[in-house]
Structure formats: structure tokens, C-alpha cells
Amino acid sequence: MEPEAKEELLLRLRNIEGHIRSIERMLGDDRACVDVVRQTLAAKRALERVSQLLVASHLRACVGVGPGRDPDGERERAVQELLDVLHLSGRL
């Protein structure tokens, strides 16, 4: 994984951790359900973005671009791995 991508992912995960702690505090403080739901949706969107960034990094690092880049079928296996993940996540 590219160092810049890794740093961005770690930063985003720390932000998500903050969202989760906020949800816990909100529940403990008996905050309005709508406010808690908004916070959970924000955490969900942030986690989805992490997944998108991971897929993009995977494509850049593992799949490659251009003719002649897949002589032993490695590109096809990486693509299939990606498709399997997307299928399991309900995105396909």
C-alpha cells in the first residue's frame, strides 16, 4: 500500500473511532434518537469511504494498467478478488 494512502486511511479510521465514542456518549446522555441516528449514519458513510479508498489502493498497487501487464493471470485474480469482496458486501 502506498504510504500516503495508508496515512489517509489511518486518519479516517481515527475519525470513525471518534464518531463511535460520540455515539456512546450521546446514548449515555439520553440524546434525541434522531441525533444518534445522524451520528451513526456519519460513521457508516465514513467507513464506506475507507472501503472505497482501500479498493482504489488495491487497484493501483495490485492490478496495474496497460497491455502486457498480466502475463501470468495475476491481474485477473486480483479483479476476481475485488469482485468477491464487493459481492459479499452487497454492492453487486
Protein backbone atom coordinates (compact mmCIF):
# COMPACT_ATOMS: atom_id res chain seq x y z
CA MET A 1 0.00 0.00 0.00
CA GLU A 2 1.19 3.48 -0.82
CA PRO A 3 2.40 5.35 2.30
CA GLU A 4 0.13 8.35 1.56
CA ALA A 5 -2.92 6.11 1.18
CA LYS A 6 -2.08 4.29 4.40
CA GLU A 7 -1.79 7.56 6.34
CA GLU A 8 -5.11 8.80 4.97
CA LEU A 9 -6.81 5.54 5.90
CA LEU A 10 -5.41 5.60 9.43
CA LEU A 11 -6.57 9.19 9.86
CA ARG A 12 -10.05 8.31 8.66
CA LEU A 13 -10.21 5.32 11.00
CA ARG A 14 -9.26 7.53 13.95
CA ASN A 15 -12.08 9.88 12.95
CA ILE A 16 -14.50 6.95 12.82
CA GLU A 17 -13.35 5.92 16.28
CA GLY A 18 -14.31 9.43 17.42
CA HIS A 19 -17.74 9.03 15.84
CA ILE A 20 -18.28 5.79 17.76
CA ARG A 21 -17.21 7.35 21.07
CA SER A 22 -19.58 10.23 20.36
CA ILE A 23 -22.44 7.79 19.79
CA GLU A 24 -21.68 6.11 23.12
CA ARG A 25 -21.70 9.48 24.91
CA MET A 26 -24.91 10.52 23.20
CA LEU A 27 -26.64 7.34 24.31
CA GLY A 28 -25.35 7.76 27.85
CA ASP A 29 -26.61 11.35 27.88
CA ASP A 30 -30.05 10.29 26.59
CA ARG A 31 -29.74 12.46 23.49
CA ALA A 32 -32.54 12.51 20.96
CA CYS A 33 -32.74 9.37 18.84
CA VAL A 34 -32.62 11.39 15.63
CA ASP A 35 -29.30 12.92 16.69
CA VAL A 36 -27.88 9.49 17.49
CA VAL A 37 -29.07 8.12 14.14
CA ARG A 38 -27.41 11.03 12.34
CA GLN A 39 -24.15 10.25 14.08
CA THR A 40 -24.39 6.54 13.23
CA LEU A 41 -25.05 7.41 9.59
CA ALA A 42 -22.00 9.67 9.55
CA ALA A 43 -19.88 6.81 10.93
CA LYS A 44 -21.31 4.43 8.34
CA ARG A 45 -20.53 6.82 5.48
CA ALA A 46 -17.03 7.33 6.79
CA LEU A 47 -16.44 3.58 6.97
CA GLU A 48 -17.78 3.16 3.44
CA ARG A 49 -15.28 5.78 2.29
CA VAL A 50 -12.47 3.80 3.94
CA SER A 51 -13.58 0.77 1.94
CA GLN A 52 -13.60 2.79 -1.27
CA LEU A 53 -10.09 4.05 -0.60
CA LEU A 54 -8.86 0.54 0.15
CA VAL A 55 -10.29 -0.72 -3.14
CA ALA A 56 -8.70 2.17 -5.03
CA SER A 57 -5.34 1.47 -3.39
CA HIS A 58 -5.68 -2.20 -4.19
CA LEU A 59 -6.38 -1.44 -7.83
CA ARG A 60 -3.41 0.91 -8.12
CA ALA A 61 -0.98 -1.39 -6.33
CA CYS A 62 -2.09 -4.85 -7.36
CA VAL A 63 -3.97 -4.71 -10.63
CA GLY A 64 -1.98 -2.26 -12.69
CA VAL A 65 -2.89 -0.75 -16.03
CA GLY A 66 -1.88 -1.35 -19.61
CA PRO A 67 -1.34 -4.16 -22.08
CA GLY A 68 1.05 -6.95 -21.27
CA ARG A 69 0.73 -6.38 -17.52
CA ASP A 70 -0.96 -9.73 -16.82
CA PRO A 71 1.17 -12.49 -18.38
CA ASP A 72 0.54 -14.96 -15.54
CA GLY A 73 -3.10 -14.05 -14.78
CA GLU A 74 -2.31 -12.10 -11.61
CA ARG A 75 -4.43 -9.17 -12.76
CA GLU A 76 -7.42 -11.39 -13.35
CA ARG A 77 -7.09 -12.99 -9.90
CA ALA A 78 -6.93 -9.53 -8.29
CA VAL A 79 -10.02 -8.44 -10.20
CA GLN A 80 -11.86 -11.58 -9.12
CA GLU A 81 -10.83 -10.97 -5.51
CA LEU A 82 -12.26 -7.47 -5.74
CA LEU A 83 -15.49 -8.73 -7.26
CA ASP A 84 -15.83 -11.31 -4.49
CA VAL A 85 -15.45 -8.61 -1.82
CA LEU A 86 -17.99 -6.38 -3.50
CA HIS A 87 -20.39 -9.29 -3.81
CA LEU A 88 -20.05 -10.18 -0.12
CA SER A 89 -20.66 -6.58 0.88
CA GLY A 90 -23.88 -6.46 -1.12
CA ARG A 91 -22.52 -3.88 -3.55
CA LEU A 92 -23.02 -6.11 -6.61
